[in-house]
Amino acid sequence: MYPSQLSLHAVTKRFGARVVLDRIDLALRPGERVGIIGDNGSGKSTLLRLMSGELQSDAGEVTRAVPGGIGVLSQVLELHAVATVNDAIDACSAELRDLERAVRAAEHGLAHLDGAALDAALASYAEMTERFEARDGYGAPARLDAAMSALGVGGLDRSRSWATLSGGERSRVALAATLAANPELLLLDEPSNDLDDAAWQWLVDRLRHHEGTVVAVTHDRAFLQVLTEVIWEVDDASVARYGNGYAGYLVAKASERERHRLAYEAWNAELARNRDLVTANAGRLAAIPRKLDKPGMGTGAFRARGRDHGAMGRIRNAKERVSRLLDDPVAPPAQPLAFTPALDRPGPVEPAVAVSAAAAAPLLLELCGVRVAAASVDELQVAPGGRVLITGRNGVGKTSLLRVIAGEQRADAGSVTATRRIGHLRQHSGITPTQRTLLETYARGIRDDVDTAERRLMALGLFHPRDLAVPVAGLSYGQRRRLELALLVSEPHELLLLDEPTNHLSPDLVEDLERALEQFGGAVMLVSHDRLMRERFHGERLELAG
């Protein structure tokens, strides 16, 4: 395979007035495995599209030298209305298909040439053939069959209308076709979405053995952990590079937090020291009498020479230092993410079908013969400290069960008794996109005044101060998810219902969330496709079968 070379120098990209990426400098080394992470809306997909050439930068330069070709997997493949599965496959492997057609056309054209023209055509034909064979173009059909089978879409009729496929089927067909084309540089946007465990493992193995370079935008921490060597984190219109894979990224983030803590402590100590200097020297100055009798000279008075003994100068210097420190403050470090504990135990409430309150007195949740959607739960009891991971195929009713427990939906049958203190983090945002600001929405949610709400919200470290005045309607998906998380941890709950809690959150924040859940004294019911979260889970597993 050919060595890939790709770099970005001082690249800036805007959409309207918003600067998504600002003066980015990055270099991609041949053979690297790079994971691009960040909150939804931070600019990850934009960065990938700039690298592929689909987007042009507003400033700066993108350099590409990839003789072995570039394969791009987008989150959504846009095709014409009457497109078929075969059309989608062709679109995802267009570069290889174009090269194959060029080789065949050159081959047929050789018969009509002679002399110098033939020599030139033979040289061009040899170069194209070399590139085609370097990508094992002749093996592409077999690779496509194998990839589609491994990803669970091998049985699809390839003449079938593309519009009739589910979103998951489309993603897997596009992934199979992109990989089968065997380009030198793979640019993949959320490649592990919609994959079961077997398909996920196949993908990881396939990418491990890829002879070229891989760049993947992903929220999948398990994918990052087992595959990537380098992490690019997109945040605040910039991109930071971290080496040593996902583990190295976590170590680096912990070091950043520690440096921030030390910098804040040093700033605070320096501020306190200079304020103390002002106070101490002001006291020393006040103790010096303004006039003294001149010894041996009768009654004449004079102003004490050097009355301040340097105190005035020290006061002036300390005040100037205090002013400079306050003009350039160091923000206090974020407190470790933690759930607000419930202070007392309210009586049970029956949000679904009424049962005896006495039967569930020591419990936070009791389900008896519950039927909802395609799922059923004969019996489940959850006490304080309980942990339940709900599993089952898509559509079986995992989300519906959480909604029944929260009192947002009635069960088809059975009884539910639950504490009133329930915190529900929904799979899809429950925050209405209004013109109310982020801070105002948070203050209303925790039922506190704006000043107190601002202090509490900033202590969580989930937002930049400039975000507070942004209307909720103007927040990205990731920012809305962080707002929901902020509201969840700020209110006292005894039972947490978490439906895909890692959606739209950066991996670093998900790690913080997991640590907070470990310390939470109440009960947790969890639905998650996050493989690392499921691997680390300790507790009861509730399998829902339709």
Protein backbone atom coordinates (compact mmCIF):
# COMPACT_ATOMS: atom_id res chain seq x y z
CA MET A 1 0.00 0.00 0.00
CA TYR A 2 1.04 3.60 -0.53
CA PRO A 3 1.93 5.82 2.46
CA SER A 4 -0.82 8.38 3.08
CA GLN A 5 -0.05 11.99 3.83
CA LEU A 6 -2.66 14.45 5.07
CA SER A 7 -2.25 17.67 6.99
CA LEU A 8 -4.24 20.75 7.95
CA HIS A 9 -2.50 24.08 8.41
CA ALA A 10 -4.29 27.07 9.99
CA VAL A 11 -7.64 25.70 8.77
CA THR A 12 -10.76 27.67 9.67
CA LYS A 13 -14.35 26.75 8.86
CA ARG A 14 -17.44 28.87 9.49
CA PHE A 15 -21.13 28.26 9.04
CA GLY A 16 -22.76 31.67 8.96
CA ALA A 17 -21.52 33.68 11.92
CA ARG A 18 -20.45 30.58 13.85
CA VAL A 19 -16.78 29.57 13.76
CA VAL A 20 -16.81 25.77 13.97
CA LEU A 21 -13.07 25.22 13.59
CA ASP A 22 -10.53 27.98 14.15
CA ARG A 23 -6.95 27.85 12.79
CA ILE A 24 -6.53 24.09 13.13
CA ASP A 25 -3.10 22.51 12.68
CA LEU A 26 -3.04 18.72 12.39
CA ALA A 27 -0.90 16.09 10.71
CA LEU A 28 -1.91 12.50 9.99
CA ARG A 29 0.92 9.97 9.92
CA PRO A 30 0.83 6.89 7.66
CA GLY A 31 -0.71 3.89 9.37
CA GLU A 32 -2.13 5.78 12.36
CA ARG A 33 -5.39 4.80 14.04
CA VAL A 34 -7.04 8.06 15.11
CA GLY A 35 -10.24 8.56 17.09
CA ILE A 36 -12.02 11.92 16.85
CA ILE A 37 -14.12 12.70 19.91
CA GLY A 38 -16.12 15.61 21.32
CA ASP A 39 -19.67 16.64 22.12
CA ASN A 40 -22.31 16.53 19.41
CA GLY A 41 -22.17 19.76 17.45
CA SER A 42 -18.54 20.47 18.31
CA GLY A 43 -17.33 20.06 14.71
CA LYS A 44 -16.16 16.44 14.47
CA SER A 45 -18.02 15.59 11.26
CA THR A 46 -17.01 18.95 9.79
CA LEU A 47 -13.36 18.09 10.43
CA LEU A 48 -13.80 14.73 8.71
CA ARG A 49 -15.47 16.36 5.68
CA LEU A 50 -12.63 18.88 5.41
CA MET A 51 -10.14 16.03 5.43
CA SER A 52 -12.01 14.17 2.69
CA GLY A 53 -12.40 17.26 0.50
CA GLU A 54 -16.19 17.25 0.67
CA LEU A 55 -15.98 20.67 2.37
CA GLN A 56 -13.62 23.51 1.57
CA SER A 57 -12.05 25.54 4.35
CA ASP A 58 -12.65 29.29 4.64
CA ALA A 59 -8.98 29.83 5.44
CA GLY A 60 -5.86 27.73 5.74
CA GLU A 61 -4.70 24.76 3.70
CA VAL A 62 -5.54 21.04 3.59
CA THR A 63 -2.86 18.91 1.94
CA ARG A 64 -3.70 15.44 0.68
CA ALA A 65 -1.28 12.97 -0.90
CA VAL A 66 -3.05 9.62 -0.82
CA PRO A 67 -2.27 7.57 -3.93
CA GLY A 68 -4.05 4.56 -2.43
CA GLY A 69 -7.37 6.41 -2.31
CA ILE A 70 -9.70 7.76 0.36
CA GLY A 71 -12.82 5.97 1.60
CA VAL A 72 -15.46 8.04 3.39
CA LEU A 73 -18.28 6.72 5.55
CA SER A 74 -20.84 9.44 6.34
CA GLN A 75 -23.52 9.10 8.99
CA VAL A 76 -26.17 9.53 6.31
CA LEU A 77 -25.79 8.49 2.67
CA GLU A 78 -27.92 10.77 0.48
CA LEU A 79 -29.09 9.12 -2.77
CA HIS A 80 -31.75 9.86 -5.39
CA ALA A 81 -35.32 8.74 -4.72
CA VAL A 82 -35.25 5.59 -6.89
CA ALA A 83 -31.78 4.40 -5.80
CA THR A 84 -31.20 0.72 -5.07
CA VAL A 85 -28.86 -1.10 -2.69
CA ASN A 86 -26.51 -1.60 -5.64
CA ASP A 87 -26.49 2.16 -6.25
CA ALA A 88 -25.53 2.73 -2.63
CA ILE A 89 -22.69 0.20 -2.90
CA ASP A 90 -21.43 1.93 -6.05
CA ALA A 91 -21.59 5.34 -4.36
CA CYS A 92 -19.54 4.12 -1.38
CA SER A 93 -16.89 2.55 -3.61
CA ALA A 94 -17.02 5.13 -6.42
CA GLU A 95 -13.30 5.83 -6.38
CA LEU A 96 -12.39 2.15 -6.91
CA ARG A 97 -15.14 1.69 -9.50
CA ASP A 98 -13.86 4.73 -11.44
CA LEU A 99 -10.33 3.33 -11.34
CA GLU A 100 -11.57 -0.06 -12.57
CA ARG A 101 -13.43 1.55 -15.48
CA ALA A 102 -10.35 3.59 -16.36
CA VAL A 103 -8.18 0.45 -16.40
CA ARG A 104 -10.62 -1.33 -18.71
CA ALA A 105 -10.94 1.67 -21.02
CA ALA A 106 -7.15 2.01 -21.24
CA GLU A 107 -6.82 -1.69 -21.92
CA HIS A 108 -9.25 -1.55 -24.84
CA GLY A 109 -7.58 1.59 -26.19
CA LEU A 110 -4.15 -0.04 -26.50
CA ALA A 111 -5.19 -2.03 -29.59
CA HIS A 112 -5.59 1.15 -31.66
CA LEU A 113 -2.22 2.76 -30.83
CA ASP A 114 1.37 2.37 -31.93
CA GLY A 115 4.69 4.11 -31.65
CA ALA A 116 5.14 6.87 -29.08
CA ALA A 117 1.41 7.07 -28.38
CA LEU A 118 1.39 3.36 -27.50
CA ASP A 119 4.41 3.80 -25.21
CA ALA A 120 2.69 6.64 -23.35
CA ALA A 121 -0.58 4.69 -23.11
CA LEU A 122 1.25 1.61 -21.82
CA ALA A 123 2.95 3.68 -19.12
CA SER A 124 -0.40 5.17 -18.05
CA TYR A 125 -2.06 1.75 -18.15
CA ALA A 126 0.73 0.24 -16.02
CA GLU A 127 0.40 3.02 -13.44
CA MET A 128 -3.39 2.60 -13.17
CA THR A 129 -3.10 -1.18 -13.01
CA GLU A 130 -0.52 -0.90 -10.24
CA ARG A 131 -2.85 1.32 -8.20
CA PHE A 132 -5.81 -1.00 -8.82
CA GLU A 133 -3.84 -4.09 -7.83
CA ALA A 134 -2.36 -2.33 -4.78
CA ARG A 135 -5.94 -2.04 -3.51
CA ASP A 136 -6.64 -5.64 -4.53
CA GLY A 137 -9.41 -4.34 -6.77
CA TYR A 138 -10.05 -7.76 -8.25
CA GLY A 139 -10.88 -9.08 -4.78
CA ALA A 140 -13.42 -6.32 -4.04
CA PRO A 141 -16.58 -8.37 -4.89
CA ALA A 142 -15.55 -11.17 -2.54
CA ARG A 143 -14.68 -8.68 0.21
CA LEU A 144 -18.06 -7.01 -0.23
CA ASP A 145 -19.93 -10.31 0.14
CA ALA A 146 -17.94 -11.19 3.25
CA ALA A 147 -18.41 -7.75 4.82
CA MET A 148 -22.17 -7.63 4.20
CA SER A 149 -22.55 -11.12 5.65
CA ALA A 150 -20.51 -10.25 8.75
CA LEU A 151 -22.53 -7.06 9.27
CA GLY A 152 -25.87 -8.84 9.01
CA VAL A 153 -27.02 -7.50 5.64
CA GLY A 154 -25.74 -10.28 3.39
CA GLY A 155 -29.25 -11.48 2.59
CA LEU A 156 -30.48 -8.17 1.19
CA ASP A 157 -31.69 -8.13 -2.40
CA ARG A 158 -29.30 -5.66 -4.02
CA SER A 159 -31.94 -4.52 -6.47
CA ARG A 160 -34.15 -3.51 -3.55
CA SER A 161 -35.07 0.15 -3.13
CA TRP A 162 -32.66 1.97 -0.83
CA ALA A 163 -35.55 3.94 0.69
CA THR A 164 -37.15 0.73 2.06
CA LEU A 165 -34.17 -0.14 4.27
CA SER A 166 -34.05 0.78 7.93
CA GLY A 167 -31.49 3.30 9.16
CA GLY A 168 -29.39 0.53 10.69
CA GLU A 169 -29.42 -1.50 7.46
CA ARG A 170 -28.33 1.51 5.43
CA SER A 171 -25.45 2.21 7.82
CA ARG A 172 -24.21 -1.39 7.62
CA VAL A 173 -24.44 -1.59 3.82
CA ALA A 174 -22.51 1.67 3.50
CA LEU A 175 -19.88 0.45 5.97
CA ALA A 176 -19.47 -2.86 4.13
CA ALA A 177 -19.06 -1.16 0.73
CA THR A 178 -16.59 1.42 2.08
CA LEU A 179 -14.39 -1.25 3.65
CA ALA A 180 -14.61 -3.57 0.62
CA ALA A 181 -13.15 -0.84 -1.60
CA ASN A 182 -9.96 -1.13 0.50
CA PRO A 183 -8.75 2.50 0.27
CA GLU A 184 -5.48 3.54 1.85
CA LEU A 185 -7.14 6.16 4.07
CA LEU A 186 -10.45 5.38 5.80
CA LEU A 187 -12.46 8.33 7.16
CA LEU A 188 -15.34 6.86 9.16
CA ASP A 189 -18.16 8.73 10.90
CA GLU A 190 -19.61 6.64 13.77
CA PRO A 191 -18.76 3.27 12.16
CA SER A 192 -19.80 1.14 15.15
CA ASN A 193 -23.36 2.50 15.39
CA ASP A 194 -26.14 -0.08 14.88
CA LEU A 195 -23.81 -3.08 15.25
CA ASP A 196 -24.47 -6.09 17.45
CA ASP A 197 -21.57 -7.57 19.41
CA ALA A 198 -20.51 -10.02 16.69
CA ALA A 199 -20.56 -7.36 13.95
CA TRP A 200 -18.73 -4.93 16.23
CA GLN A 201 -15.94 -7.43 16.85
CA TRP A 202 -15.67 -8.14 13.12
CA LEU A 203 -15.30 -4.42 12.42
CA VAL A 204 -12.59 -3.97 15.03
CA ASP A 205 -10.63 -6.95 13.69
CA ARG A 206 -11.01 -5.69 10.11
CA LEU A 207 -9.70 -2.23 11.01
CA ARG A 208 -6.84 -3.65 13.07
CA HIS A 209 -5.62 -5.50 9.98
CA HIS A 210 -6.17 -2.60 7.58
CA GLU A 211 -2.82 -1.83 5.98
CA GLY A 212 -3.47 1.90 5.68
CA THR A 213 -4.62 4.70 7.94
CA VAL A 214 -7.91 4.91 9.87
CA VAL A 215 -9.62 8.04 11.22
CA ALA A 216 -12.93 7.49 13.01
CA VAL A 217 -15.39 9.90 14.60
CA THR A 218 -16.95 7.94 17.45
CA HIS A 219 -18.57 8.07 20.88
CA ASP A 220 -17.84 4.35 21.35
CA ARG A 221 -15.37 4.16 24.22
CA ALA A 222 -14.78 0.43 23.78
CA PHE A 223 -13.92 1.07 20.13
CA LEU A 224 -11.52 3.84 21.16
CA GLN A 225 -9.97 1.62 23.81
CA VAL A 226 -9.18 -1.37 21.61
CA LEU A 227 -8.37 0.31 18.29
CA THR A 228 -7.09 3.88 18.44
CA GLU A 229 -3.51 5.02 19.04
CA VAL A 230 -4.20 8.75 18.87
CA ILE A 231 -7.16 10.84 20.08
CA TRP A 232 -8.16 14.16 18.54
CA GLU A 233 -10.59 16.01 20.82
CA VAL A 234 -12.70 18.74 19.18
CA ASP A 235 -13.81 21.42 21.63
CA ASP A 236 -14.39 25.16 21.51
CA ALA A 237 -13.45 25.36 17.79
CA SER A 238 -10.02 23.83 18.42
CA VAL A 239 -8.56 20.32 18.25
CA ALA A 240 -6.21 18.85 20.88
CA ARG A 241 -4.08 15.79 20.13
CA TYR A 242 -3.47 13.04 22.72
CA GLY A 243 -1.12 10.10 22.26
CA ASN A 244 -1.07 6.58 23.74
CA GLY A 245 -4.64 5.77 22.79
CA TYR A 246 -7.74 6.13 24.93
CA ALA A 247 -5.89 5.26 28.13
CA GLY A 248 -3.35 7.99 27.40
CA TYR A 249 -6.18 10.44 26.74
CA LEU A 250 -7.75 9.73 30.15
CA VAL A 251 -4.40 10.14 31.90
CA ALA A 252 -3.79 13.43 30.07
CA LYS A 253 -7.26 14.75 30.99
CA ALA A 254 -6.66 13.86 34.64
CA SER A 255 -3.34 15.72 34.49
CA GLU A 256 -5.07 18.74 32.93
CA ARG A 257 -7.59 18.80 35.77
CA GLU A 258 -4.78 18.57 38.34
CA ARG A 259 -2.85 21.42 36.68
CA HIS A 260 -6.03 23.50 36.69
CA ARG A 261 -6.53 22.79 40.40
CA LEU A 262 -2.95 23.76 41.23
CA ALA A 263 -3.16 26.89 39.09
CA TYR A 264 -6.36 27.95 40.87
CA GLU A 265 -4.85 27.30 44.29
CA ALA A 266 -1.75 29.32 43.34
CA TRP A 267 -3.90 32.18 42.03
CA ASN A 268 -6.07 32.14 45.15
CA ALA A 269 -3.03 32.04 47.44
CA GLU A 270 -1.38 34.93 45.61
CA LEU A 271 -4.60 36.96 45.78
CA ALA A 272 -4.95 36.29 49.51
CA ARG A 273 -1.26 37.10 50.15
CA ASN A 274 -1.47 40.49 48.43
CA ARG A 275 -4.73 41.35 50.18
CA ASP A 276 -3.07 40.48 53.49
CA LEU A 277 -0.13 42.72 52.53
CA VAL A 278 -2.51 45.64 51.97
CA THR A 279 -4.21 45.04 55.32
CA ALA A 280 -1.00 44.52 57.28
CA ASN A 281 0.79 47.54 55.86
CA ALA A 282 -2.29 49.71 56.29
CA GLY A 283 -2.32 48.75 59.98
CA ARG A 284 1.40 49.43 60.34
CA LEU A 285 0.97 52.81 58.69
CA ALA A 286 -1.91 53.76 60.98
CA ALA A 287 0.20 52.95 64.06
CA ILE A 288 2.92 55.46 63.15
CA PRO A 289 2.21 58.95 64.66
CA ARG A 290 1.85 61.72 62.13
CA LYS A 291 3.96 64.26 64.17
CA LEU A 292 6.70 63.98 66.82
CA ASP A 293 8.45 66.55 69.07
CA LYS A 294 12.01 67.10 68.02
CA PRO A 295 14.20 65.93 70.97
CA GLY A 296 16.17 68.69 72.71
CA MET A 297 14.76 71.42 70.52
CA GLY A 298 11.88 72.78 72.58
CA THR A 299 8.33 72.66 71.26
CA GLY A 300 8.93 72.62 67.53
CA ALA A 301 7.05 69.80 65.71
CA PHE A 302 7.98 68.13 62.50
CA ARG A 303 6.51 65.47 60.20
CA ALA A 304 8.15 62.12 60.91
CA ARG A 305 10.84 61.49 58.33
CA GLY A 306 9.95 58.52 56.21
CA ARG A 307 6.77 58.05 58.21
CA ASP A 308 5.56 55.15 56.12
CA HIS A 309 8.89 53.30 56.39
CA GLY A 310 8.09 51.80 52.95
CA ALA A 311 4.52 50.82 53.91
CA MET A 312 2.91 53.10 51.34
CA GLY A 313 4.97 51.58 48.53
CA ARG A 314 4.12 48.04 49.64
CA ILE A 315 0.43 48.90 49.81
CA ARG A 316 0.52 50.40 46.34
CA ASN A 317 2.35 47.39 44.85
CA ALA A 318 0.03 44.90 46.55
CA LYS A 319 -3.07 46.74 45.34
CA GLU A 320 -1.74 46.73 41.78
CA ARG A 321 -1.05 43.02 42.04
CA VAL A 322 -4.57 42.35 43.37
CA SER A 323 -6.03 44.34 40.47
CA ARG A 324 -4.02 42.35 37.90
CA LEU A 325 -5.05 39.05 39.47
CA LEU A 326 -8.73 40.01 39.43
CA ASP A 327 -8.47 41.18 35.82
CA ASP A 328 -7.13 37.77 34.80
CA PRO A 329 -8.82 35.28 37.15
CA VAL A 330 -8.36 31.51 37.12
CA ALA A 331 -11.75 29.78 37.12
CA PRO A 332 -12.27 27.44 40.07
CA PRO A 333 -11.90 23.77 39.10
CA ALA A 334 -15.07 21.81 38.54
CA GLN A 335 -16.23 19.71 41.44
CA PRO A 336 -16.31 15.95 40.82
CA LEU A 337 -19.66 15.08 39.25
CA ALA A 338 -21.95 13.81 42.01
CA PHE A 339 -25.66 13.17 42.44
CA THR A 340 -27.48 15.17 45.12
CA PRO A 341 -28.59 12.67 47.78
CA ALA A 342 -32.19 12.46 48.94
CA LEU A 343 -32.53 13.64 52.54
CA ASP A 344 -35.60 11.64 53.46
CA ARG A 345 -37.80 8.81 52.24
CA PRO A 346 -41.22 9.82 50.93
CA GLY A 347 -43.99 7.28 50.89
CA PRO A 348 -44.41 5.13 47.77
CA VAL A 349 -46.59 6.25 44.92
CA GLU A 350 -48.31 4.15 42.26
CA PRO A 351 -47.74 5.84 38.89
CA ALA A 352 -49.25 2.94 36.97
CA VAL A 353 -51.74 0.44 38.47
CA ALA A 354 -52.56 0.76 42.16
CA VAL A 355 -51.23 -1.78 44.66
CA SER A 356 -50.89 -1.85 48.42
CA ALA A 357 -48.30 0.68 49.63
CA ALA A 358 -47.44 -1.52 52.57
CA ALA A 359 -46.21 -4.32 50.29
CA ALA A 360 -43.35 -2.15 48.98
CA ALA A 361 -42.50 -0.17 52.12
CA PRO A 362 -38.75 -1.03 52.27
CA LEU A 363 -38.31 -0.93 48.48
CA LEU A 364 -37.80 1.85 45.98
CA LEU A 365 -39.48 -0.09 43.17
CA GLU A 366 -41.62 -3.18 42.77
CA LEU A 367 -42.99 -4.56 39.49
CA CYS A 368 -45.56 -7.35 39.41
CA GLY A 369 -46.79 -8.92 36.16
CA VAL A 370 -46.01 -5.79 34.12
CA ARG A 371 -46.66 -5.92 30.37
CA VAL A 372 -45.60 -3.07 28.11
CA ALA A 373 -44.95 -3.04 24.36
CA ALA A 374 -43.54 -6.48 23.53
CA ALA A 375 -41.92 -6.96 26.95
CA SER A 376 -43.06 -8.47 30.20
CA VAL A 377 -41.67 -8.42 33.74
CA ASP A 378 -43.21 -10.98 36.07
CA GLU A 379 -41.54 -9.71 39.21
CA LEU A 380 -38.81 -7.20 40.06
CA GLN A 381 -37.86 -5.58 43.35
CA VAL A 382 -35.26 -2.84 43.67
CA ALA A 383 -33.94 -1.67 47.03
CA PRO A 384 -31.66 1.29 47.84
CA GLY A 385 -28.26 0.67 46.28
CA GLY A 386 -29.75 -1.68 43.68
CA ARG A 387 -28.43 -1.71 40.13
CA VAL A 388 -30.40 -3.13 37.18
CA LEU A 389 -29.18 -3.27 33.57
CA ILE A 390 -32.10 -3.70 31.16
CA THR A 391 -31.22 -5.52 27.95
CA GLY A 392 -33.12 -6.81 24.93
CA ARG A 393 -33.44 -6.29 21.20
CA ASN A 394 -34.36 -2.91 19.75
CA GLY A 395 -38.08 -2.28 19.92
CA VAL A 396 -38.81 -4.81 22.66
CA GLY A 397 -39.89 -2.11 25.12
CA LYS A 398 -36.88 -1.05 27.21
CA THR A 399 -37.65 2.66 26.89
CA SER A 400 -41.37 2.02 27.43
CA LEU A 401 -40.66 0.16 30.67
CA LEU A 402 -38.67 3.11 32.02
CA ARG A 403 -41.50 5.45 31.06
CA VAL A 404 -43.99 3.24 32.93
CA ILE A 405 -41.80 3.27 36.04
CA ALA A 406 -41.48 7.08 35.81
CA GLY A 407 -45.27 7.42 35.59
CA GLU A 408 -45.17 8.86 32.07
CA GLN A 409 -46.98 5.92 30.48
CA ARG A 410 -49.44 3.27 31.64
CA ALA A 411 -48.55 -0.38 31.57
CA ASP A 412 -50.69 -2.71 29.45
CA ALA A 413 -51.06 -4.92 32.52
CA GLY A 414 -49.63 -5.44 36.00
CA SER A 415 -48.71 -3.16 38.86
CA VAL A 416 -45.92 -0.71 39.56
CA THR A 417 -45.06 0.77 42.95
CA ALA A 418 -42.25 3.29 43.08
CA THR A 419 -40.75 6.08 45.15
CA ARG A 420 -41.68 9.62 44.21
CA ARG A 421 -38.03 10.61 44.06
CA ILE A 422 -37.31 9.44 40.51
CA GLY A 423 -34.79 11.04 38.16
CA HIS A 424 -35.33 10.17 34.49
CA LEU A 425 -32.68 10.82 31.84
CA ARG A 426 -34.50 10.11 28.58
CA GLN A 427 -32.97 8.69 25.42
CA HIS A 428 -34.24 11.68 23.45
CA SER A 429 -34.11 15.18 24.88
CA GLY A 430 -37.09 16.22 26.98
CA ILE A 431 -36.02 19.87 27.04
CA THR A 432 -38.19 22.17 24.95
CA PRO A 433 -36.04 24.34 22.61
CA THR A 434 -37.28 27.75 23.78
CA GLN A 435 -35.71 31.22 23.73
CA ARG A 436 -35.15 30.99 27.48
CA THR A 437 -31.42 30.95 28.20
CA LEU A 438 -29.50 27.96 29.43
CA LEU A 439 -29.03 29.56 32.87
CA GLU A 440 -32.70 30.56 33.18
CA THR A 441 -33.77 27.03 32.22
CA TYR A 442 -31.43 25.49 34.79
CA ALA A 443 -32.59 27.92 37.50
CA ARG A 444 -36.25 27.07 36.81
CA GLY A 445 -35.42 23.38 36.81
CA ILE A 446 -33.78 23.43 40.26
CA ARG A 447 -36.27 26.06 41.54
CA ASP A 448 -33.58 28.49 42.69
CA ASP A 449 -32.61 32.11 42.04
CA VAL A 450 -30.39 32.88 39.05
CA ASP A 451 -27.30 33.87 41.06
CA THR A 452 -27.34 30.66 43.09
CA ALA A 453 -28.09 28.63 39.97
CA GLU A 454 -25.10 30.17 38.18
CA ARG A 455 -22.74 29.23 41.01
CA ARG A 456 -24.08 25.67 41.14
CA LEU A 457 -23.99 25.21 37.37
CA MET A 458 -20.45 26.57 36.99
CA ALA A 459 -19.26 24.29 39.80
CA LEU A 460 -20.27 21.29 37.69
CA GLY A 461 -17.82 22.25 34.95
CA LEU A 462 -20.22 21.26 32.18
CA PHE A 463 -20.40 24.66 30.44
CA HIS A 464 -18.30 27.67 29.52
CA PRO A 465 -19.51 30.92 31.11
CA ARG A 466 -20.35 32.28 27.64
CA ASP A 467 -22.86 29.40 27.17
CA LEU A 468 -25.09 30.60 29.99
CA ALA A 469 -26.77 33.33 27.92
CA VAL A 470 -27.39 31.10 24.88
CA PRO A 471 -31.09 30.31 24.26
CA VAL A 472 -31.90 26.63 24.67
CA ALA A 473 -33.05 26.60 21.04
CA GLY A 474 -29.50 27.57 20.04
CA LEU A 475 -27.75 24.80 21.98
CA SER A 476 -26.22 21.80 20.24
CA TYR A 477 -27.45 18.27 21.00
CA GLY A 478 -24.41 17.76 23.22
CA GLN A 479 -25.09 20.96 25.16
CA ARG A 480 -28.74 20.02 25.70
CA ARG A 481 -27.65 16.62 26.96
CA ARG A 482 -25.26 18.25 29.42
CA LEU A 483 -28.07 20.55 30.59
CA GLU A 484 -30.27 17.51 31.24
CA LEU A 485 -27.40 15.89 33.14
CA ALA A 486 -26.87 19.06 35.18
CA LEU A 487 -30.55 19.08 36.18
CA LEU A 488 -30.42 15.38 37.03
CA VAL A 489 -27.42 15.61 39.37
CA SER A 490 -28.67 18.82 41.03
CA GLU A 491 -31.95 17.38 42.33
CA PRO A 492 -32.27 14.76 45.10
CA HIS A 493 -33.37 11.36 43.77
CA GLU A 494 -33.67 7.86 45.16
CA LEU A 495 -34.14 6.02 41.86
CA LEU A 496 -32.40 6.94 38.61
CA LEU A 497 -33.79 5.79 35.26
CA LEU A 498 -31.07 6.21 32.66
CA ASP A 499 -31.99 5.59 29.00
CA GLU A 500 -28.83 5.63 26.85
CA PRO A 501 -27.13 8.12 29.21
CA THR A 502 -23.93 8.25 27.13
CA ASN A 503 -25.71 9.61 24.03
CA HIS A 504 -24.24 12.93 22.83
CA LEU A 505 -21.70 13.12 25.68
CA SER A 506 -17.93 13.19 25.28
CA PRO A 507 -16.06 10.09 26.51
CA ASP A 508 -14.36 12.09 29.26
CA LEU A 509 -17.72 13.19 30.64
CA VAL A 510 -19.08 9.64 30.41
CA GLU A 511 -16.16 8.49 32.57
CA ASP A 512 -17.12 11.17 35.14
CA LEU A 513 -20.75 10.02 35.00
CA GLU A 514 -19.74 6.42 35.70
CA ARG A 515 -17.73 7.48 38.74
CA ALA A 516 -20.69 9.52 40.01
CA LEU A 517 -23.02 6.53 39.61
CA GLU A 518 -20.62 4.36 41.62
CA GLN A 519 -20.94 6.80 44.53
CA PHE A 520 -24.74 7.21 44.25
CA GLY A 521 -26.49 5.69 47.26
CA GLY A 522 -29.86 5.22 45.58
CA ALA A 523 -30.92 2.71 42.95
CA VAL A 524 -30.15 2.81 39.22
CA MET A 525 -31.98 1.25 36.28
CA LEU A 526 -29.92 1.48 33.11
CA VAL A 527 -30.51 0.98 29.39
CA SER A 528 -27.31 1.36 27.36
CA HIS A 529 -25.64 0.28 24.14
CA ASP A 530 -22.30 1.57 25.48
CA ARG A 531 -20.16 -1.58 25.50
CA LEU A 532 -17.69 -0.29 28.09
CA MET A 533 -20.51 0.73 30.43
CA ARG A 534 -22.08 -2.71 30.09
CA GLU A 535 -18.73 -4.44 30.66
CA ARG A 536 -18.12 -2.46 33.83
CA PHE A 537 -21.66 -2.91 35.13
CA HIS A 538 -22.09 -4.68 38.47
CA GLY A 539 -25.63 -5.61 39.40
CA GLU A 540 -28.74 -7.43 38.22
CA ARG A 541 -29.46 -7.90 34.52
CA LEU A 542 -33.04 -7.84 33.33
CA GLU A 543 -33.42 -9.40 29.87
CA LEU A 544 -36.62 -8.33 28.10
CA ALA A 545 -37.86 -10.86 25.56
CA GLY A 546 -40.82 -10.20 23.30
